[in-house]
Amino acid sequence: MNDRKVAEAVLLLAEEPIPASLIGELLETPTAEVETLLGGLASEYEEADRGFVLREVAGGWRLYTAPECGPWLERFVLRHRTSRLSAAALEVLAIVAYKGPLSRAHVAEIRGVDSDGVVRTLAQRGLIEEVGRDTAPGAPVLFRVTPHFLERMGLRSTEELPPLAGFIPDAEAVEDMEAKLSPNA
């Protein structure tokens, strides 16, 4: 395998500066040769006017975005900001994915708690969407998961979701858990 190729792959994967000595250990190459290789890569990237630079910092080497790309990176980050979903949001998302389309009231009935705020948040994030109205009194809005949700999950449709049966404990396991959690145990 080409040392340059391996060094680049390691640098892309690294979340912190990587000492040349560590890359040398991986490549079974003397540190001085790795330093020369990394210095050459840094110069080559700069001369080629790439969107990234290789710098020696804090006792190691690390890839960074090119400073002049800052304004575009800022726009990208602000538009594609992602944050983790809360446990409540994941629960509501699973309910809508497996049982949808369904109304907020139906989600709350399944969860046992009001879920309006969570439903609003998931809709704002483009993970669920309004799909019509129920025939129940008041004609509540029905929600389903979006194509964006399916894309993020790597699914063509909700029919590809794994069966729920594998996640539900059998009656004996439930009784065992209840016994262990009982205050008299």
N, C-alpha and C. Protein backbone atom coordinates (compact mmCIF):
# COMPACT_ATOMS: atom_id res chain seq x y z
N MET A 1 0.85 -1.18 0.00
CA MET A 1 0.00 0.00 0.00
C MET A 1 0.89 1.24 0.00
N ASN A 2 0.47 2.24 -0.67
CA ASN A 2 1.16 3.51 -0.81
C ASN A 2 1.14 4.27 0.53
N ASP A 3 2.32 4.65 1.07
CA ASP A 3 2.42 5.36 2.35
C ASP A 3 1.61 6.66 2.35
N ARG A 4 1.68 7.36 1.26
CA ARG A 4 0.97 8.64 1.13
C ARG A 4 -0.53 8.41 1.31
N LYS A 5 -1.04 7.41 0.63
CA LYS A 5 -2.47 7.11 0.67
C LYS A 5 -2.92 6.76 2.09
N VAL A 6 -2.14 5.94 2.77
CA VAL A 6 -2.47 5.54 4.15
C VAL A 6 -2.40 6.75 5.08
N ALA A 7 -1.38 7.57 4.93
CA ALA A 7 -1.23 8.76 5.77
C ALA A 7 -2.44 9.69 5.59
N GLU A 8 -2.85 9.91 4.35
CA GLU A 8 -4.01 10.76 4.09
C GLU A 8 -5.28 10.17 4.72
N ALA A 9 -5.46 8.87 4.60
CA ALA A 9 -6.64 8.23 5.17
C ALA A 9 -6.66 8.37 6.69
N VAL A 10 -5.51 8.20 7.33
CA VAL A 10 -5.42 8.34 8.79
C VAL A 10 -5.74 9.78 9.18
N LEU A 11 -5.19 10.73 8.45
CA LEU A 11 -5.43 12.15 8.76
C LEU A 11 -6.91 12.52 8.59
N LEU A 12 -7.57 11.94 7.60
CA LEU A 12 -8.99 12.21 7.40
C LEU A 12 -9.83 11.65 8.54
N LEU A 13 -9.43 10.53 9.05
CA LEU A 13 -10.17 9.87 10.12
C LEU A 13 -9.93 10.50 11.48
N ALA A 14 -8.77 11.08 11.69
CA ALA A 14 -8.35 11.60 12.99
C ALA A 14 -9.20 12.78 13.45
N GLU A 15 -9.51 12.79 14.73
CA GLU A 15 -10.25 13.90 15.33
C GLU A 15 -9.34 14.85 16.08
N GLU A 16 -8.06 14.53 16.16
CA GLU A 16 -7.08 15.37 16.84
C GLU A 16 -5.76 15.24 16.12
N PRO A 17 -4.82 16.14 16.39
CA PRO A 17 -3.51 16.05 15.71
C PRO A 17 -2.84 14.69 15.94
N ILE A 18 -2.30 14.13 14.86
CA ILE A 18 -1.65 12.82 14.90
C ILE A 18 -0.14 13.00 14.79
N PRO A 19 0.61 12.53 15.79
CA PRO A 19 2.08 12.64 15.70
C PRO A 19 2.62 11.85 14.51
N ALA A 20 3.65 12.38 13.89
CA ALA A 20 4.30 11.69 12.77
C ALA A 20 4.81 10.33 13.23
N SER A 21 5.21 10.24 14.49
CA SER A 21 5.72 8.96 15.01
C SER A 21 4.63 7.88 14.98
N LEU A 22 3.38 8.26 15.26
CA LEU A 22 2.29 7.29 15.22
C LEU A 22 2.03 6.82 13.79
N ILE A 23 2.04 7.75 12.86
CA ILE A 23 1.87 7.38 11.45
C ILE A 23 3.04 6.50 11.03
N GLY A 24 4.23 6.84 11.52
CA GLY A 24 5.41 6.02 11.23
C GLY A 24 5.25 4.60 11.74
N GLU A 25 4.69 4.45 12.94
CA GLU A 25 4.45 3.09 13.49
C GLU A 25 3.48 2.32 12.60
N LEU A 26 2.42 2.99 12.19
CA LEU A 26 1.41 2.34 11.34
C LEU A 26 2.01 1.90 10.01
N LEU A 27 2.85 2.77 9.45
CA LEU A 27 3.44 2.49 8.14
C LEU A 27 4.72 1.65 8.23
N GLU A 28 5.21 1.49 9.48
CA GLU A 28 6.50 0.84 9.70
C GLU A 28 7.58 1.58 8.91
N THR A 29 7.57 2.91 9.10
CA THR A 29 8.47 3.82 8.40
C THR A 29 9.10 4.75 9.43
N PRO A 30 10.38 5.10 9.29
CA PRO A 30 11.01 6.02 10.24
C PRO A 30 10.27 7.36 10.31
N THR A 31 10.21 7.92 11.52
CA THR A 31 9.51 9.18 11.75
C THR A 31 10.02 10.29 10.85
N ALA A 32 11.32 10.34 10.62
CA ALA A 32 11.89 11.40 9.77
C ALA A 32 11.30 11.33 8.36
N GLU A 33 11.13 10.11 7.83
CA GLU A 33 10.54 9.95 6.49
C GLU A 33 9.08 10.40 6.48
N VAL A 34 8.37 10.09 7.56
CA VAL A 34 6.96 10.49 7.66
C VAL A 34 6.86 12.01 7.75
N GLU A 35 7.76 12.64 8.50
CA GLU A 35 7.78 14.10 8.60
C GLU A 35 7.97 14.72 7.20
N THR A 36 8.88 14.14 6.44
CA THR A 36 9.13 14.63 5.08
C THR A 36 7.88 14.44 4.22
N LEU A 37 7.26 13.28 4.33
CA LEU A 37 6.04 12.98 3.58
C LEU A 37 4.94 13.99 3.93
N LEU A 38 4.71 14.23 5.23
CA LEU A 38 3.65 15.13 5.67
C LEU A 38 3.94 16.58 5.26
N GLY A 39 5.19 16.98 5.37
CA GLY A 39 5.57 18.32 4.92
C GLY A 39 5.32 18.50 3.44
N GLY A 40 5.64 17.45 2.66
CA GLY A 40 5.39 17.49 1.22
C GLY A 40 3.91 17.57 0.89
N LEU A 41 3.09 16.81 1.65
CA LEU A 41 1.64 16.86 1.44
C LEU A 41 1.11 18.25 1.75
N ALA A 42 1.58 18.84 2.85
CA ALA A 42 1.13 20.18 3.23
C ALA A 42 1.45 21.19 2.12
N SER A 43 2.66 21.13 1.59
CA SER A 43 3.05 22.04 0.50
C SER A 43 2.22 21.79 -0.75
N GLU A 44 2.03 20.52 -1.07
CA GLU A 44 1.27 20.16 -2.27
C GLU A 44 -0.17 20.67 -2.18
N TYR A 45 -0.81 20.50 -1.02
CA TYR A 45 -2.19 20.96 -0.85
C TYR A 45 -2.26 22.48 -0.99
N GLU A 46 -1.28 23.18 -0.43
CA GLU A 46 -1.26 24.64 -0.51
C GLU A 46 -1.06 25.11 -1.95
N GLU A 47 -0.13 24.49 -2.64
CA GLU A 47 0.15 24.87 -4.03
C GLU A 47 -1.03 24.57 -4.95
N ALA A 48 -1.74 23.49 -4.65
CA ALA A 48 -2.89 23.11 -5.48
C ALA A 48 -4.14 23.93 -5.13
N ASP A 49 -4.04 24.79 -4.11
CA ASP A 49 -5.14 25.65 -3.70
C ASP A 49 -6.39 24.83 -3.38
N ARG A 50 -6.19 23.81 -2.53
CA ARG A 50 -7.28 22.90 -2.13
C ARG A 50 -8.20 23.56 -1.12
N GLY A 51 -9.30 22.92 -0.83
CA GLY A 51 -10.25 23.41 0.17
C GLY A 51 -9.85 23.01 1.57
N PHE A 52 -8.71 22.38 1.70
CA PHE A 52 -8.20 21.97 3.00
C PHE A 52 -6.69 22.19 3.04
N VAL A 53 -6.18 22.25 4.26
CA VAL A 53 -4.74 22.41 4.46
C VAL A 53 -4.29 21.40 5.49
N LEU A 54 -3.02 21.04 5.45
CA LEU A 54 -2.43 20.14 6.43
C LEU A 54 -1.46 20.97 7.26
N ARG A 55 -1.67 20.93 8.57
CA ARG A 55 -0.83 21.74 9.46
C ARG A 55 -0.23 20.88 10.55
N GLU A 56 0.96 21.29 10.97
CA GLU A 56 1.59 20.67 12.14
C GLU A 56 1.20 21.54 13.33
N VAL A 57 0.45 20.96 14.26
CA VAL A 57 -0.03 21.68 15.44
C VAL A 57 -0.02 20.76 16.66
N ALA A 58 0.23 21.34 17.81
CA ALA A 58 0.11 20.62 19.08
C ALA A 58 0.78 19.25 19.07
N GLY A 59 1.96 19.18 18.50
CA GLY A 59 2.71 17.92 18.51
C GLY A 59 2.25 16.89 17.50
N GLY A 60 1.44 17.29 16.54
CA GLY A 60 0.97 16.34 15.53
C GLY A 60 0.53 17.06 14.27
N TRP A 61 -0.02 16.29 13.35
CA TRP A 61 -0.48 16.81 12.06
C TRP A 61 -1.99 16.63 11.97
N ARG A 62 -2.63 17.63 11.36
CA ARG A 62 -4.08 17.57 11.25
C ARG A 62 -4.54 18.32 10.00
N LEU A 63 -5.60 17.80 9.38
CA LEU A 63 -6.23 18.47 8.24
C LEU A 63 -7.23 19.50 8.76
N TYR A 64 -7.23 20.66 8.13
CA TYR A 64 -8.16 21.74 8.45
C TYR A 64 -8.77 22.25 7.17
N THR A 65 -9.92 22.89 7.30
CA THR A 65 -10.49 23.54 6.13
C THR A 65 -9.66 24.78 5.82
N ALA A 66 -9.60 25.14 4.55
CA ALA A 66 -8.86 26.33 4.13
C ALA A 66 -9.53 27.57 4.73
N PRO A 67 -8.75 28.44 5.36
CA PRO A 67 -9.33 29.61 6.03
C PRO A 67 -10.20 30.48 5.12
N GLU A 68 -9.80 30.62 3.87
CA GLU A 68 -10.57 31.48 2.97
C GLU A 68 -11.95 30.92 2.62
N CYS A 69 -12.21 29.66 2.98
CA CYS A 69 -13.52 29.05 2.74
C CYS A 69 -14.50 29.33 3.88
N GLY A 70 -14.04 30.04 4.90
CA GLY A 70 -14.83 30.30 6.11
C GLY A 70 -16.25 30.79 5.88
N PRO A 71 -16.46 31.82 5.07
CA PRO A 71 -17.84 32.32 4.90
C PRO A 71 -18.81 31.27 4.35
N TRP A 72 -18.36 30.46 3.44
CA TRP A 72 -19.22 29.42 2.86
C TRP A 72 -19.44 28.28 3.85
N LEU A 73 -18.42 27.96 4.62
CA LEU A 73 -18.57 26.91 5.63
C LEU A 73 -19.55 27.35 6.71
N GLU A 74 -19.49 28.61 7.08
CA GLU A 74 -20.42 29.14 8.08
C GLU A 74 -21.85 29.03 7.58
N ARG A 75 -22.08 29.40 6.33
CA ARG A 75 -23.42 29.27 5.75
C ARG A 75 -23.88 27.82 5.74
N PHE A 76 -22.96 26.93 5.35
CA PHE A 76 -23.29 25.50 5.31
C PHE A 76 -23.68 24.99 6.69
N VAL A 77 -22.88 25.31 7.68
CA VAL A 77 -23.13 24.84 9.04
C VAL A 77 -24.45 25.38 9.57
N LEU A 78 -24.72 26.65 9.34
CA LEU A 78 -25.96 27.25 9.83
C LEU A 78 -27.19 26.64 9.17
N ARG A 79 -27.07 26.28 7.91
CA ARG A 79 -28.21 25.70 7.20
C ARG A 79 -28.39 24.22 7.49
N HIS A 80 -27.32 23.52 7.79
CA HIS A 80 -27.38 22.07 7.97
C HIS A 80 -27.05 21.66 9.38
N ARG A 81 -27.37 22.54 10.31
CA ARG A 81 -27.10 22.26 11.71
C ARG A 81 -27.90 21.03 12.13
N THR A 82 -27.25 20.12 12.78
CA THR A 82 -27.94 18.94 13.28
C THR A 82 -27.68 18.83 14.77
N SER A 83 -28.68 18.37 15.45
CA SER A 83 -28.51 18.10 16.87
C SER A 83 -29.24 16.80 17.17
N ARG A 84 -28.88 16.24 18.26
CA ARG A 84 -29.46 14.95 18.62
C ARG A 84 -30.91 15.11 19.05
N LEU A 85 -31.66 14.06 18.82
CA LEU A 85 -33.05 14.05 19.23
C LEU A 85 -33.15 13.55 20.67
N SER A 86 -34.09 14.11 21.42
CA SER A 86 -34.32 13.66 22.79
C SER A 86 -34.95 12.27 22.76
N ALA A 87 -34.98 11.63 23.92
CA ALA A 87 -35.61 10.31 24.02
C ALA A 87 -37.09 10.42 23.65
N ALA A 88 -37.75 11.50 24.10
CA ALA A 88 -39.17 11.70 23.78
C ALA A 88 -39.36 11.84 22.27
N ALA A 89 -38.47 12.59 21.61
CA ALA A 89 -38.58 12.77 20.16
C ALA A 89 -38.37 11.45 19.43
N LEU A 90 -37.40 10.66 19.87
CA LEU A 90 -37.18 9.36 19.25
C LEU A 90 -38.38 8.44 19.43
N GLU A 91 -38.98 8.52 20.61
CA GLU A 91 -40.16 7.70 20.89
C GLU A 91 -41.32 8.08 19.97
N VAL A 92 -41.58 9.38 19.85
CA VAL A 92 -42.67 9.85 18.98
C VAL A 92 -42.36 9.50 17.53
N LEU A 93 -41.14 9.67 17.12
CA LEU A 93 -40.74 9.34 15.75
C LEU A 93 -40.98 7.86 15.46
N ALA A 94 -40.64 7.01 16.39
CA ALA A 94 -40.87 5.57 16.22
C ALA A 94 -42.36 5.27 16.13
N ILE A 95 -43.15 5.91 16.97
CA ILE A 95 -44.60 5.69 16.94
C ILE A 95 -45.18 6.10 15.59
N VAL A 96 -44.78 7.27 15.10
CA VAL A 96 -45.29 7.75 13.82
C VAL A 96 -44.80 6.85 12.68
N ALA A 97 -43.55 6.41 12.76
CA ALA A 97 -43.00 5.56 11.71
C ALA A 97 -43.74 4.22 11.64
N TYR A 98 -44.01 3.62 12.79
CA TYR A 98 -44.64 2.30 12.81
C TYR A 98 -46.16 2.35 12.71
N LYS A 99 -46.77 3.38 13.26
CA LYS A 99 -48.23 3.41 13.34
C LYS A 99 -48.88 4.45 12.42
N GLY A 100 -48.09 5.35 11.84
CA GLY A 100 -48.65 6.46 11.07
C GLY A 100 -49.36 6.03 9.82
N PRO A 101 -50.16 6.90 9.26
CA PRO A 101 -50.44 8.24 9.75
C PRO A 101 -51.36 8.21 10.97
N LEU A 102 -51.08 9.11 11.92
CA LEU A 102 -51.91 9.22 13.11
C LEU A 102 -51.86 10.64 13.66
N SER A 103 -52.81 10.95 14.52
CA SER A 103 -52.96 12.30 15.06
C SER A 103 -52.11 12.48 16.32
N ARG A 104 -51.97 13.74 16.73
CA ARG A 104 -51.25 14.05 17.97
C ARG A 104 -51.91 13.36 19.16
N ALA A 105 -53.24 13.36 19.17
CA ALA A 105 -53.97 12.73 20.27
C ALA A 105 -53.67 11.24 20.35
N HIS A 106 -53.59 10.61 19.20
CA HIS A 106 -53.28 9.18 19.17
C HIS A 106 -51.85 8.93 19.67
N VAL A 107 -50.91 9.78 19.28
CA VAL A 107 -49.53 9.67 19.77
C VAL A 107 -49.51 9.81 21.29
N ALA A 108 -50.23 10.81 21.80
CA ALA A 108 -50.30 11.04 23.25
C ALA A 108 -50.94 9.84 23.96
N GLU A 109 -51.94 9.25 23.35
CA GLU A 109 -52.60 8.08 23.92
C GLU A 109 -51.62 6.91 24.03
N ILE A 110 -50.84 6.70 23.00
CA ILE A 110 -49.86 5.60 23.01
C ILE A 110 -48.76 5.87 24.04
N ARG A 111 -48.26 7.10 24.10
CA ARG A 111 -47.17 7.45 25.01
C ARG A 111 -47.64 7.64 26.45
N GLY A 112 -48.89 8.06 26.61
CA GLY A 112 -49.39 8.33 27.95
C GLY A 112 -49.06 9.73 28.44
N VAL A 113 -48.51 10.58 27.58
CA VAL A 113 -48.20 11.97 27.93
C VAL A 113 -48.46 12.86 26.72
N ASP A 114 -48.69 14.15 26.99
CA ASP A 114 -48.89 15.12 25.92
C ASP A 114 -47.64 15.16 25.04
N SER A 115 -47.82 15.15 23.75
CA SER A 115 -46.69 15.11 22.82
C SER A 115 -46.72 16.22 21.79
N ASP A 116 -47.55 17.23 22.01
CA ASP A 116 -47.70 18.30 21.03
C ASP A 116 -46.38 19.00 20.71
N GLY A 117 -45.61 19.34 21.74
CA GLY A 117 -44.34 20.04 21.52
C GLY A 117 -43.36 19.19 20.73
N VAL A 118 -43.31 17.91 21.04
CA VAL A 118 -42.39 17.00 20.35
C VAL A 118 -42.81 16.84 18.90
N VAL A 119 -44.11 16.72 18.66
CA VAL A 119 -44.61 16.60 17.29
C VAL A 119 -44.25 17.85 16.49
N ARG A 120 -44.43 19.02 17.11
CA ARG A 120 -44.07 20.28 16.43
C ARG A 120 -42.59 20.31 16.07
N THR A 121 -41.74 19.91 17.02
CA THR A 121 -40.29 19.90 16.79
C THR A 121 -39.93 18.96 15.65
N LEU A 122 -40.50 17.77 15.63
CA LEU A 122 -40.20 16.81 14.56
C LEU A 122 -40.67 17.32 13.20
N ALA A 123 -41.81 18.01 13.19
CA ALA A 123 -42.30 18.59 11.94
C ALA A 123 -41.38 19.71 11.47
N GLN A 124 -40.91 20.54 12.41
CA GLN A 124 -39.99 21.63 12.05
C GLN A 124 -38.68 21.09 11.50
N ARG A 125 -38.24 19.95 12.00
CA ARG A 125 -37.00 19.35 11.52
C ARG A 125 -37.19 18.56 10.23
N GLY A 126 -38.42 18.48 9.76
CA GLY A 126 -38.68 17.80 8.49
C GLY A 126 -38.67 16.29 8.60
N LEU A 127 -38.88 15.76 9.80
CA LEU A 127 -38.87 14.31 9.99
C LEU A 127 -40.27 13.71 9.92
N ILE A 128 -41.28 14.52 10.26
CA ILE A 128 -42.68 14.10 10.08
C ILE A 128 -43.41 15.24 9.38
N GLU A 129 -44.54 14.89 8.76
CA GLU A 129 -45.30 15.89 8.02
C GLU A 129 -46.79 15.62 8.11
N GLU A 130 -47.56 16.69 7.90
CA GLU A 130 -49.02 16.55 7.85
C GLU A 130 -49.37 15.83 6.56
N VAL A 131 -50.31 14.89 6.68
CA VAL A 131 -50.65 14.10 5.50
C VAL A 131 -52.15 14.12 5.21
N GLY A 132 -52.91 14.79 6.06
CA GLY A 132 -54.35 14.86 5.86
C GLY A 132 -55.06 15.04 7.19
N ARG A 133 -56.35 14.78 7.18
CA ARG A 133 -57.15 14.93 8.39
C ARG A 133 -57.89 13.64 8.69
N ASP A 134 -58.04 13.37 9.98
CA ASP A 134 -58.76 12.18 10.44
C ASP A 134 -60.26 12.44 10.33
N THR A 135 -61.04 11.39 10.28
CA THR A 135 -62.50 11.53 10.22
C THR A 135 -63.09 11.66 11.62
N ALA A 136 -62.27 11.60 12.65
CA ALA A 136 -62.74 11.73 14.03
C ALA A 136 -63.26 13.14 14.28
N PRO A 137 -64.05 13.34 15.33
CA PRO A 137 -64.55 14.68 15.64
C PRO A 137 -63.42 15.70 15.74
N GLY A 138 -63.63 16.85 15.16
CA GLY A 138 -62.61 17.90 15.15
C GLY A 138 -61.65 17.76 13.99
N ALA A 139 -61.73 16.67 13.26
CA ALA A 139 -60.86 16.40 12.11
C ALA A 139 -59.39 16.72 12.40
N PRO A 140 -58.80 16.00 13.37
CA PRO A 140 -57.39 16.29 13.71
C PRO A 140 -56.45 15.96 12.55
N VAL A 141 -55.33 16.69 12.54
CA VAL A 141 -54.30 16.50 11.51
C VAL A 141 -53.63 15.15 11.73
N LEU A 142 -53.36 14.46 10.64
CA LEU A 142 -52.64 13.18 10.68
C LEU A 142 -51.19 13.42 10.25
N PHE A 143 -50.27 12.71 10.90
CA PHE A 143 -48.85 12.83 10.61
C PHE A 143 -48.27 11.50 10.16
N ARG A 144 -47.26 11.61 9.30
CA ARG A 144 -46.47 10.45 8.88
C ARG A 144 -45.02 10.89 8.77
N VAL A 145 -44.12 9.92 8.64
CA VAL A 145 -42.71 10.28 8.47
C VAL A 145 -42.49 10.78 7.04
N THR A 146 -41.46 11.59 6.88
CA THR A 146 -41.18 12.23 5.60
C THR A 146 -40.17 11.42 4.78
N PRO A 147 -40.07 11.74 3.50
CA PRO A 147 -39.00 11.14 2.70
C PRO A 147 -37.61 11.46 3.27
N HIS A 148 -37.46 12.63 3.90
CA HIS A 148 -36.19 12.99 4.55
C HIS A 148 -35.86 11.99 5.66
N PHE A 149 -36.85 11.62 6.47
CA PHE A 149 -36.66 10.61 7.52
C PHE A 149 -36.21 9.29 6.89
N LEU A 150 -36.92 8.87 5.85
CA LEU A 150 -36.59 7.60 5.20
C LEU A 150 -35.16 7.63 4.65
N GLU A 151 -34.78 8.76 4.04
CA GLU A 151 -33.42 8.90 3.51
C GLU A 151 -32.39 8.78 4.62
N ARG A 152 -32.62 9.49 5.73
CA ARG A 152 -31.68 9.46 6.86
C ARG A 152 -31.55 8.06 7.46
N MET A 153 -32.65 7.29 7.40
CA MET A 153 -32.64 5.94 7.95
C MET A 153 -32.19 4.90 6.92
N GLY A 154 -32.01 5.32 5.68
CA GLY A 154 -31.58 4.39 4.63
C GLY A 154 -32.68 3.44 4.19
N LEU A 155 -33.91 3.91 4.23
CA LEU A 155 -35.07 3.08 3.89
C LEU A 155 -35.76 3.60 2.64
N ARG A 156 -36.37 2.70 1.90
CA ARG A 156 -37.18 3.11 0.76
C ARG A 156 -38.60 3.46 1.22
N SER A 157 -39.08 2.73 2.24
CA SER A 157 -40.41 2.98 2.79
C SER A 157 -40.44 2.46 4.23
N THR A 158 -41.51 2.78 4.94
CA THR A 158 -41.64 2.30 6.32
C THR A 158 -41.83 0.79 6.37
N GLU A 159 -42.18 0.19 5.26
CA GLU A 159 -42.32 -1.26 5.22
C GLU A 159 -40.98 -1.97 5.46
N GLU A 160 -39.87 -1.24 5.28
CA GLU A 160 -38.55 -1.82 5.51
C GLU A 160 -38.09 -1.70 6.96
N LEU A 161 -38.91 -1.08 7.82
CA LEU A 161 -38.56 -1.00 9.24
C LEU A 161 -38.50 -2.41 9.82
N PRO A 162 -37.60 -2.65 10.77
CA PRO A 162 -37.54 -3.99 11.37
C PRO A 162 -38.82 -4.29 12.14
N PRO A 163 -39.21 -5.55 12.22
CA PRO A 163 -40.44 -5.89 12.94
C PRO A 163 -40.31 -5.54 14.42
N LEU A 164 -41.40 -5.06 15.00
CA LEU A 164 -41.39 -4.68 16.42
C LEU A 164 -41.28 -5.88 17.35
N ALA A 165 -41.68 -7.03 16.89
CA ALA A 165 -41.69 -8.22 17.75
C ALA A 165 -40.33 -8.47 18.40
N GLY A 166 -39.26 -8.17 17.72
CA GLY A 166 -37.92 -8.39 18.27
C GLY A 166 -37.58 -7.46 19.41
N PHE A 167 -38.35 -6.38 19.59
CA PHE A 167 -38.08 -5.40 20.65
C PHE A 167 -38.99 -5.56 21.86
N ILE A 168 -39.99 -6.42 21.76
CA ILE A 168 -40.97 -6.57 22.82
C ILE A 168 -40.64 -7.83 23.63
N PRO A 169 -40.45 -7.68 24.94
CA PRO A 169 -40.15 -8.86 25.76
C PRO A 169 -41.37 -9.77 25.87
N ASP A 170 -41.12 -11.07 26.06
CA ASP A 170 -42.23 -12.00 26.22
C ASP A 170 -42.81 -11.85 27.63
N ALA A 171 -43.95 -12.51 27.88
CA ALA A 171 -44.67 -12.37 29.15
C ALA A 171 -43.80 -12.78 30.34
N GLU A 172 -43.02 -13.83 30.19
CA GLU A 172 -42.16 -14.31 31.28
C GLU A 172 -41.10 -13.26 31.64
N ALA A 173 -40.53 -12.62 30.65
CA ALA A 173 -39.52 -11.58 30.90
C ALA A 173 -40.14 -10.38 31.60
N VAL A 174 -41.38 -10.02 31.21
CA VAL A 174 -42.06 -8.89 31.85
C VAL A 174 -42.33 -9.22 33.31
N GLU A 175 -42.82 -10.44 33.60
CA GLU A 175 -43.07 -10.85 34.98
C GLU A 175 -41.79 -10.83 35.80
N ASP A 176 -40.69 -11.28 35.22
CA ASP A 176 -39.40 -11.28 35.90
C ASP A 176 -38.96 -9.85 36.23
N MET A 177 -39.12 -8.92 35.27
CA MET A 177 -38.76 -7.52 35.50
C MET A 177 -39.63 -6.91 36.60
N GLU A 178 -40.95 -7.21 36.55
CA GLU A 178 -41.84 -6.69 37.57
C GLU A 178 -41.46 -7.18 38.95
N ALA A 179 -41.11 -8.47 39.04
CA ALA A 179 -40.70 -9.04 40.33
C ALA A 179 -39.44 -8.36 40.86
N LYS A 180 -38.48 -8.12 39.97
CA LYS A 180 -37.22 -7.50 40.39
C LYS A 180 -37.40 -6.03 40.76
N LEU A 181 -38.37 -5.36 40.15
CA LEU A 181 -38.60 -3.95 40.40
C LEU A 181 -39.62 -3.69 41.51
N SER A 182 -40.26 -4.74 41.97
CA SER A 182 -41.25 -4.60 43.03
C SER A 182 -40.60 -4.13 44.32
N PRO A 183 -41.23 -3.19 45.05
CA PRO A 183 -40.64 -2.70 46.29
C PRO A 183 -40.51 -3.79 47.36
N ASN A 184 -41.25 -4.88 47.25
CA ASN A 184 -41.19 -5.96 48.22
C ASN A 184 -40.12 -7.00 47.90
N ALA A 185 -39.42 -6.80 46.80
CA ALA A 185 -38.42 -7.80 46.37
C ALA A 185 -37.18 -7.76 47.22
